[in-house]
Amino acid sequence: MLKAQRAELTEAKIYYRIAGFEKDENNRAILLQIAKEEERQANIWKSYTRQEIRPHKWKVPFYIFLVRCFGLTFGIKLLERNSHRGVQAYGAMRSDFPEAEEMYHTEKEHEDKLLEMLKDKPLDYLGSIVLGLNDALVELTGVLAGLTLGIQNSPMIAAIGIITGISAAFSMAGSEYLSTKTENSGKVKPTTSAFYTGIAYITTVIALIVPYLIVKNVFIALLLTIGIAISIIAAFNWYVSVARGIPFKKRFLEMLSISLSVAFISFFVGLIVNQIFDINV
């Protein structure tokens, strides 16, 4: 009961804090509604424990940080996903505490419905982010793999990668702008959509090229680049799985197989080019 009381009080504090800086009126109303529900449930446990308990010190700032950095939906849904694990204990307490039955169903159903009503601008542009991220991973990983055997010179590979990546980022952003403007759905703005695509592309390009700037051995640099690509794919798909509530494994393996297949093919294309043209740089 003490653990349940602290958990409910901590979540109430988090929701109140987020509602305090949330600009969207609809979101603020939902967050305040959930916060009051969590506070009410904490008070129910307090009526049994008769103890004053403080919220978890690190959880409140941690989730505030997540919301500010990664968006409202991601931070809140991660909080709810973790809290649902503890809620299972309510099932075992229902026979002894009548209120536990109500709290169990409230946590599992009521708040889930409220969370689906949240409006989060970055998620509206998730398709644009996926486009920029995925294209950068597939294209640049392939280019770097091909250049690794074709040129075998780290600074030159990095230079070519930067030029190729930045040019491709502007090209992708322009294409996304025209595509969004043509669709004219009204939900997303073409300029904002292009911005998200370009930023996602350039950020991924920089991350993939860094190994070639710090490691002289091109093959070690390629292995590090592939490792970074896998990490980016895993992190992004985990983010999407939390924010959108979709399975992680299938999307991760699909995106990973595409990127690595292109890199593998490009690596051997570079080998063939190196042998045919006898390139030594």
Protein backbone atom coordinates (compact mmCIF):
# COMPACT_ATOMS: atom_id res chain seq x y z
CA MET A 1 0.00 0.00 0.00
CA LEU A 2 2.87 2.37 0.76
CA LYS A 3 4.42 1.63 -2.62
CA ALA A 4 1.10 2.17 -4.36
CA GLN A 5 0.56 5.42 -2.47
CA ARG A 6 3.98 6.74 -3.46
CA ALA A 7 3.55 5.66 -7.10
CA GLU A 8 0.19 7.42 -7.42
CA LEU A 9 1.50 10.54 -5.68
CA THR A 10 4.58 10.62 -7.92
CA GLU A 11 2.53 10.31 -11.09
CA ALA A 12 0.12 13.01 -9.90
CA LYS A 13 3.09 15.33 -9.32
CA ILE A 14 4.46 14.58 -12.80
CA TYR A 15 1.13 15.26 -14.51
CA TYR A 16 0.65 18.53 -12.59
CA ARG A 17 4.17 19.68 -13.54
CA ILE A 18 3.71 18.86 -17.22
CA ALA A 19 0.30 20.53 -17.28
CA GLY A 20 1.98 23.63 -15.88
CA PHE A 21 4.09 24.21 -19.00
CA GLU A 22 1.82 22.59 -21.63
CA LYS A 23 0.55 25.24 -24.07
CA ASP A 24 -2.24 23.27 -25.72
CA GLU A 25 -5.49 23.80 -23.78
CA ASN A 26 -6.88 20.37 -24.70
CA ASN A 27 -3.72 18.61 -23.53
CA ARG A 28 -3.58 20.64 -20.32
CA ALA A 29 -7.16 19.73 -19.44
CA ILE A 30 -6.48 16.02 -20.01
CA LEU A 31 -3.27 16.10 -17.98
CA LEU A 32 -4.98 17.87 -15.08
CA GLN A 33 -7.81 15.33 -15.18
CA ILE A 34 -5.36 12.44 -14.96
CA ALA A 35 -3.36 14.21 -12.22
CA LYS A 36 -6.48 14.67 -10.08
CA GLU A 37 -7.38 10.98 -10.58
CA GLU A 38 -3.89 9.90 -9.51
CA GLU A 39 -4.06 12.23 -6.49
CA ARG A 40 -7.46 10.84 -5.52
CA GLN A 41 -6.11 7.29 -5.64
CA ALA A 42 -3.07 8.29 -3.57
CA ASN A 43 -5.42 9.69 -0.93
CA ILE A 44 -7.36 6.42 -0.87
CA TRP A 45 -4.17 4.53 -0.02
CA LYS A 46 -3.29 7.22 2.51
CA SER A 47 -6.58 6.54 4.31
CA TYR A 48 -5.28 3.01 4.93
CA THR A 49 -1.59 3.70 5.60
CA ARG A 50 -2.22 6.95 7.55
CA GLN A 51 1.26 8.08 6.57
CA GLU A 52 2.57 11.14 4.74
CA ILE A 53 4.79 10.07 1.83
CA ARG A 54 6.86 12.20 -0.52
CA PRO A 55 7.05 11.51 -4.30
CA HIS A 56 10.09 9.75 -5.77
CA LYS A 57 12.85 12.36 -6.07
CA TRP A 58 14.36 11.29 -9.39
CA LYS A 59 11.22 10.20 -11.25
CA VAL A 60 9.58 13.62 -11.41
CA PRO A 61 12.53 15.50 -13.03
CA PHE A 62 13.35 12.46 -15.18
CA TYR A 63 9.94 12.33 -16.85
CA ILE A 64 9.81 16.12 -17.16
CA PHE A 65 13.13 15.88 -19.03
CA LEU A 66 11.76 13.16 -21.33
CA VAL A 67 8.67 15.20 -22.18
CA ARG A 68 10.69 18.33 -22.92
CA CYS A 69 13.24 16.50 -25.07
CA PHE A 70 11.20 13.78 -26.81
CA GLY A 71 7.65 15.08 -26.79
CA LEU A 72 4.55 14.86 -24.66
CA THR A 73 3.16 11.58 -26.01
CA PHE A 74 6.43 9.66 -25.66
CA GLY A 75 7.10 10.79 -22.09
CA ILE A 76 3.53 10.20 -20.88
CA LYS A 77 3.10 6.83 -22.58
CA LEU A 78 6.44 5.61 -21.23
CA LEU A 79 5.30 6.68 -17.77
CA GLU A 80 2.01 4.84 -18.18
CA ARG A 81 3.73 1.76 -19.62
CA ASN A 82 5.95 1.55 -16.54
CA SER A 83 3.11 2.30 -14.13
CA HIS A 84 0.95 -0.46 -15.65
CA ARG A 85 3.54 -3.00 -14.53
CA GLY A 86 2.98 -1.94 -10.94
CA VAL A 87 -0.79 -1.82 -11.39
CA GLN A 88 -0.84 -5.60 -11.76
CA ALA A 89 -0.37 -5.70 -7.99
CA TYR A 90 -3.81 -4.12 -7.64
CA GLY A 91 -5.29 -7.33 -9.02
CA ALA A 92 -3.94 -9.27 -6.06
CA MET A 93 -5.24 -6.68 -3.59
CA ARG A 94 -8.82 -6.57 -4.83
CA SER A 95 -10.09 -9.19 -2.43
CA ASP A 96 -8.83 -7.24 0.62
CA PHE A 97 -9.42 -3.66 -0.56
CA PRO A 98 -12.63 -2.87 -2.49
CA GLU A 99 -11.12 0.36 -3.89
CA ALA A 100 -8.34 -1.61 -5.59
CA GLU A 101 -10.89 -3.01 -8.08
CA GLU A 102 -11.88 0.48 -9.22
CA MET A 103 -8.29 1.70 -9.38
CA TYR A 104 -7.25 -1.36 -11.36
CA HIS A 105 -9.82 -0.67 -14.09
CA THR A 106 -9.19 3.08 -14.01
CA GLU A 107 -5.48 2.61 -14.65
CA LYS A 108 -6.04 0.07 -17.44
CA GLU A 109 -8.90 1.72 -19.32
CA HIS A 110 -9.82 5.28 -18.36
CA GLU A 111 -6.35 6.83 -18.61
CA ASP A 112 -5.55 4.96 -21.83
CA LYS A 113 -8.57 6.57 -23.48
CA LEU A 114 -7.54 9.99 -22.22
CA LEU A 115 -3.98 9.54 -23.49
CA GLU A 116 -5.25 8.76 -26.97
CA MET A 117 -6.81 12.24 -27.00
CA LEU A 118 -3.46 13.99 -26.53
CA LYS A 119 -2.26 16.14 -29.41
CA ASP A 120 1.48 16.03 -30.05
CA LYS A 121 2.81 18.03 -32.98
CA PRO A 122 6.02 16.00 -33.61
CA LEU A 123 3.92 12.85 -34.09
CA ASP A 124 1.98 14.57 -36.88
CA TYR A 125 5.29 14.81 -38.72
CA LEU A 126 6.50 11.33 -37.82
CA GLY A 127 6.21 10.26 -41.47
CA SER A 128 8.57 13.07 -42.50
CA ILE A 129 11.06 12.07 -39.81
CA VAL A 130 10.89 8.43 -40.90
CA LEU A 131 11.50 9.48 -44.50
CA GLY A 132 14.61 11.49 -43.66
CA LEU A 133 15.98 8.98 -41.16
CA ASN A 134 15.36 5.88 -43.24
CA ASP A 135 16.69 7.35 -46.49
CA ALA A 136 19.84 8.61 -44.78
CA LEU A 137 20.45 5.23 -43.16
CA VAL A 138 19.88 3.25 -46.35
CA GLU A 139 21.60 5.58 -48.82
CA LEU A 140 24.56 6.79 -46.80
CA THR A 141 25.36 3.43 -45.21
CA GLY A 142 25.43 2.02 -48.72
CA VAL A 143 27.56 4.88 -50.06
CA LEU A 144 30.07 4.62 -47.18
CA ALA A 145 30.29 0.84 -47.55
CA GLY A 146 30.97 1.17 -51.28
CA LEU A 147 33.55 3.93 -50.80
CA THR A 148 35.32 1.96 -48.07
CA LEU A 149 36.50 -0.63 -50.59
CA GLY A 150 36.47 1.66 -53.60
CA ILE A 151 38.72 4.38 -52.15
CA GLN A 152 40.06 3.16 -48.79
CA ASN A 153 40.93 6.66 -47.57
CA SER A 154 39.11 7.83 -44.42
CA PRO A 155 39.33 11.65 -44.88
CA MET A 156 38.26 11.40 -48.53
CA ILE A 157 35.40 9.04 -47.70
CA ALA A 158 34.23 11.45 -44.98
CA ALA A 159 34.42 14.41 -47.37
CA ILE A 160 32.47 12.61 -50.09
CA GLY A 161 29.97 11.39 -47.51
CA ILE A 162 29.38 14.92 -46.15
CA ILE A 163 28.91 16.39 -49.65
CA THR A 164 26.61 13.54 -50.69
CA GLY A 165 24.67 13.61 -47.42
CA ILE A 166 24.04 17.36 -47.30
CA SER A 167 23.06 17.47 -50.98
CA ALA A 168 20.70 14.52 -50.48
CA ALA A 169 19.22 16.16 -47.35
CA PHE A 170 18.24 19.30 -49.27
CA SER A 171 16.93 17.16 -52.11
CA MET A 172 14.81 15.06 -49.74
CA ALA A 173 13.52 18.14 -47.93
CA GLY A 174 12.51 19.71 -51.25
CA SER A 175 10.78 16.54 -52.39
CA GLU A 176 8.91 16.27 -49.08
CA TYR A 177 7.79 19.90 -49.39
CA LEU A 178 6.36 19.33 -52.86
CA SER A 179 4.80 16.00 -51.87
CA THR A 180 3.09 17.45 -48.77
CA LYS A 181 1.93 20.51 -50.68
CA THR A 182 0.46 18.32 -53.43
CA GLU A 183 -1.45 16.17 -50.94
CA ASN A 184 -2.80 19.31 -49.22
CA SER A 185 -4.35 17.34 -46.33
CA GLY A 186 -4.24 20.38 -44.06
CA LYS A 187 -2.97 18.35 -41.10
CA VAL A 188 0.70 19.14 -41.70
CA LYS A 189 2.47 22.19 -43.10
CA PRO A 190 4.75 21.62 -46.13
CA THR A 191 7.55 23.80 -44.76
CA THR A 192 7.51 22.11 -41.34
CA SER A 193 7.36 18.69 -42.96
CA ALA A 194 10.37 19.54 -45.14
CA PHE A 195 12.22 20.84 -42.08
CA TYR A 196 11.72 17.60 -40.12
CA THR A 197 12.82 15.51 -43.11
CA GLY A 198 15.97 17.59 -43.67
CA ILE A 199 16.97 17.70 -40.00
CA ALA A 200 16.46 13.94 -39.59
CA TYR A 201 18.56 13.30 -42.70
CA ILE A 202 21.44 15.65 -41.77
CA THR A 203 21.57 14.43 -38.15
CA THR A 204 21.82 10.83 -39.33
CA VAL A 205 24.49 11.74 -41.90
CA ILE A 206 26.67 13.38 -39.24
CA ALA A 207 26.33 10.38 -36.91
CA LEU A 208 27.30 7.91 -39.65
CA ILE A 209 30.31 9.89 -40.89
CA VAL A 210 31.91 10.57 -37.48
CA PRO A 211 33.84 7.22 -37.40
CA TYR A 212 35.64 8.13 -40.65
CA LEU A 213 36.75 11.43 -39.10
CA ILE A 214 38.29 9.85 -36.01
CA VAL A 215 39.48 6.41 -37.20
CA LYS A 216 42.13 5.96 -39.91
CA ASN A 217 41.41 2.30 -40.59
CA VAL A 218 38.49 2.41 -43.05
CA PHE A 219 37.25 -1.09 -42.20
CA ILE A 220 37.07 -0.34 -38.48
CA ALA A 221 35.34 2.92 -39.35
CA LEU A 222 32.80 1.01 -41.45
CA LEU A 223 32.09 -1.41 -38.59
CA LEU A 224 31.57 1.53 -36.23
CA THR A 225 29.26 3.20 -38.77
CA ILE A 226 27.18 0.04 -39.06
CA GLY A 227 27.04 -0.17 -35.26
CA ILE A 228 25.82 3.45 -35.09
CA ALA A 229 23.24 2.73 -37.81
CA ILE A 230 21.90 -0.25 -35.84
CA SER A 231 21.74 1.87 -32.67
CA ILE A 232 19.84 4.65 -34.47
CA ILE A 233 17.37 2.14 -35.94
CA ALA A 234 16.83 0.52 -32.53
CA ALA A 235 16.42 3.84 -30.69
CA PHE A 236 14.03 5.29 -33.27
CA ASN A 237 11.84 2.20 -33.47
CA TRP A 238 11.69 1.99 -29.68
CA TYR A 239 10.55 5.62 -29.62
CA VAL A 240 7.85 4.89 -32.20
CA SER A 241 6.74 1.72 -30.41
CA VAL A 242 6.23 3.70 -27.18
CA ALA A 243 4.66 6.82 -28.74
CA ARG A 244 2.39 4.96 -31.14
CA GLY A 245 1.89 1.75 -29.14
CA ILE A 246 3.01 -0.53 -31.99
CA PRO A 247 5.24 -3.64 -31.89
CA PHE A 248 8.97 -2.92 -31.79
CA LYS A 249 10.53 -6.11 -33.12
CA LYS A 250 8.89 -6.29 -36.55
CA ARG A 251 9.60 -2.67 -37.49
CA PHE A 252 13.16 -2.85 -36.15
CA LEU A 253 14.05 -6.01 -38.08
CA GLU A 254 12.47 -4.70 -41.28
CA MET A 255 14.36 -1.40 -41.18
CA LEU A 256 17.58 -3.13 -40.13
CA SER A 257 17.43 -5.73 -42.91
CA ILE A 258 16.93 -3.05 -45.58
CA SER A 259 19.83 -0.88 -44.38
CA LEU A 260 22.26 -3.77 -43.93
CA SER A 261 21.30 -5.36 -47.28
CA VAL A 262 22.04 -2.12 -49.13
CA ALA A 263 25.34 -1.72 -47.27
CA PHE A 264 26.31 -5.33 -48.04
CA ILE A 265 25.56 -4.97 -51.77
CA SER A 266 27.32 -1.59 -51.96
CA PHE A 267 30.39 -3.04 -50.24
CA PHE A 268 30.83 -5.59 -53.03
CA VAL A 269 30.06 -2.99 -55.68
CA GLY A 270 32.96 -1.00 -54.25
CA LEU A 271 35.17 -4.10 -54.40
CA ILE A 272 34.32 -4.63 -58.07
CA VAL A 273 34.91 -0.96 -58.92
CA ASN A 274 38.22 -1.04 -57.09
CA GLN A 275 39.36 -4.09 -59.08
CA ILE A 276 38.17 -2.82 -62.46
CA PHE A 277 39.58 0.70 -62.22
CA ASP A 278 42.52 -0.20 -59.95
CA ILE A 279 41.85 2.78 -57.65
CA ASN A 280 44.54 3.61 -55.12
CA VAL A 281 44.11 6.82 -53.12
